[in-house]
Amino acid sequence: MIFNIEAFVLTSFHRKMESSGTEKMVDYSYVYILASKRNGTLYIGVTTDLVKRVYEHKVDLLDGFTRKYRVHTLVYYESQNNIELAIKREKQMKAWRREWKLELVEKHNPEWRDLYEDIV
């Protein structure tokens, strides 16, 4: 499922209808892109708790790339049905040319809004 703000729920669990009509809990994982500014430095990550992980980046809780380069704006995210798929997608996106990453953000978030405020 690609970037759908309206459907986002605050937990990392979502209800999903099975074909039989019964509900089951599905553990989603997220691939996300942070930016320092529009067309600025990008960071691609993966998590099972998007709200918590983006918050950690925003307040510089962890040493590393996002703190060093001040990459704090959530500009894109998508969910996967399990962590293995999310990790595979993260690696795929990290291997992309920068131009493709920028096009992905532009397509889904043309104003480069900080999506964090929409998910908290």
Protein backbone atom coordinates (compact mmCIF):
# COMPACT_ATOMS: atom_id res chain seq x y z
CA MET A 1 0.00 0.00 0.00
CA ILE A 2 1.57 3.28 -1.05
CA PHE A 3 1.32 6.53 0.97
CA ASN A 4 -2.27 7.08 2.05
CA ILE A 5 -2.58 9.73 4.77
CA GLU A 6 -6.34 9.28 5.20
CA ALA A 7 -5.97 5.57 5.92
CA PHE A 8 -3.09 5.90 8.36
CA VAL A 9 -3.73 4.74 11.94
CA LEU A 10 -1.45 5.75 14.82
CA THR A 11 -0.39 2.26 15.81
CA SER A 12 1.72 -0.03 13.70
CA PHE A 13 -1.21 -2.45 13.58
CA HIS A 14 -4.08 -2.13 11.16
CA ARG A 15 -7.27 -4.11 10.79
CA LYS A 16 -7.57 -5.97 7.53
CA MET A 17 -10.58 -7.90 6.31
CA GLU A 18 -9.97 -11.46 5.27
CA SER A 19 -11.97 -12.88 2.37
CA SER A 20 -14.19 -14.66 4.90
CA GLY A 21 -15.19 -11.26 6.33
CA THR A 22 -13.44 -11.72 9.66
CA GLU A 23 -10.97 -9.14 10.92
CA LYS A 24 -7.40 -9.90 11.86
CA MET A 25 -4.55 -7.73 13.06
CA VAL A 26 -1.84 -7.15 10.46
CA ASP A 27 1.56 -5.92 11.56
CA TYR A 28 2.64 -3.29 9.04
CA SER A 29 6.15 -2.01 8.54
CA TYR A 30 7.04 1.30 6.94
CA VAL A 31 9.62 2.59 4.50
CA TYR A 32 10.02 6.34 4.78
CA ILE A 33 11.94 9.26 3.33
CA LEU A 34 13.11 12.22 5.39
CA ALA A 35 14.49 15.41 3.84
CA SER A 36 16.50 18.35 5.13
CA LYS A 37 14.50 20.69 2.87
CA ARG A 38 12.85 20.61 -0.55
CA ASN A 39 15.29 18.85 -2.91
CA GLY A 40 17.78 18.68 -0.02
CA THR A 41 19.56 15.79 1.65
CA LEU A 42 17.46 12.60 1.74
CA TYR A 43 17.39 9.70 4.17
CA ILE A 44 15.54 6.42 3.59
CA GLY A 45 14.69 4.22 6.55
CA VAL A 46 12.49 1.34 7.67
CA THR A 47 10.52 0.86 10.90
CA THR A 48 7.57 -0.90 12.48
CA ASP A 49 6.60 2.24 14.43
CA LEU A 50 6.58 5.24 12.11
CA VAL A 51 5.44 7.85 14.63
CA LYS A 52 8.08 6.87 17.18
CA ARG A 53 10.90 6.56 14.66
CA VAL A 54 10.26 9.90 12.97
CA TYR A 55 10.03 11.56 16.39
CA GLU A 56 13.45 10.10 17.26
CA HIS A 57 14.87 11.65 14.09
CA LYS A 58 13.18 15.01 14.71
CA VAL A 59 14.56 15.45 18.23
CA ASP A 60 18.01 14.05 17.35
CA LEU A 61 17.65 11.20 19.84
CA LEU A 62 20.11 9.08 17.90
CA ASP A 63 23.57 9.85 16.62
CA GLY A 64 24.04 9.40 12.92
CA PHE A 65 23.24 10.68 9.47
CA THR A 66 19.96 12.48 10.18
CA ARG A 67 21.41 14.37 13.13
CA LYS A 68 24.64 15.25 11.32
CA TYR A 69 22.86 16.54 8.20
CA ARG A 70 19.71 17.87 9.95
CA VAL A 71 17.35 15.60 8.01
CA HIS A 72 14.09 15.85 9.98
CA THR A 73 11.15 16.33 7.60
CA LEU A 74 8.99 13.29 6.77
CA VAL A 75 8.18 13.75 3.09
CA TYR A 76 7.09 10.23 2.07
CA TYR A 77 6.19 6.87 3.51
CA GLU A 78 4.61 3.62 2.46
CA SER A 79 3.58 0.49 4.33
CA GLN A 80 4.38 -3.14 3.69
CA ASN A 81 2.67 -6.24 5.10
CA ASN A 82 5.79 -7.43 6.91
CA ILE A 83 9.27 -6.32 7.86
CA GLU A 84 11.01 -8.49 5.27
CA LEU A 85 9.12 -6.78 2.45
CA ALA A 86 9.83 -3.37 3.98
CA ILE A 87 13.56 -4.08 4.23
CA LYS A 88 13.62 -5.31 0.63
CA ARG A 89 11.82 -2.14 -0.50
CA GLU A 90 14.17 0.07 1.54
CA LYS A 91 17.21 -1.51 -0.09
CA GLN A 92 15.59 -1.13 -3.52
CA MET A 93 14.89 2.57 -2.94
CA LYS A 94 18.36 3.23 -1.53
CA ALA A 95 19.82 1.84 -4.75
CA TRP A 96 17.75 4.22 -6.88
CA ARG A 97 19.21 7.28 -8.55
CA ARG A 98 18.54 10.47 -6.62
CA GLU A 99 16.30 11.72 -9.44
CA TRP A 100 13.92 8.76 -8.96
CA LYS A 101 13.67 9.42 -5.22
CA LEU A 102 12.85 13.07 -5.85
CA GLU A 103 10.22 12.07 -8.43
CA LEU A 104 8.60 9.72 -5.89
CA VAL A 105 8.33 12.51 -3.33
CA GLU A 106 7.09 15.01 -5.92
CA LYS A 107 4.41 12.58 -7.11
CA HIS A 108 2.97 11.92 -3.64
CA ASN A 109 3.86 15.12 -1.78
CA PRO A 110 4.45 17.88 -4.37
CA GLU A 111 4.61 20.61 -1.73
CA TRP A 112 7.13 18.69 0.39
CA ARG A 113 4.93 19.11 3.47
CA ASP A 114 6.09 17.55 6.73
CA LEU A 115 3.78 14.54 6.94
CA TYR A 116 4.63 13.92 10.59
CA GLU A 117 1.89 16.29 11.73
CA ASP A 118 -0.61 14.17 9.79
CA ILE A 119 0.32 10.91 11.52
CA VAL A 120 0.48 12.03 15.15
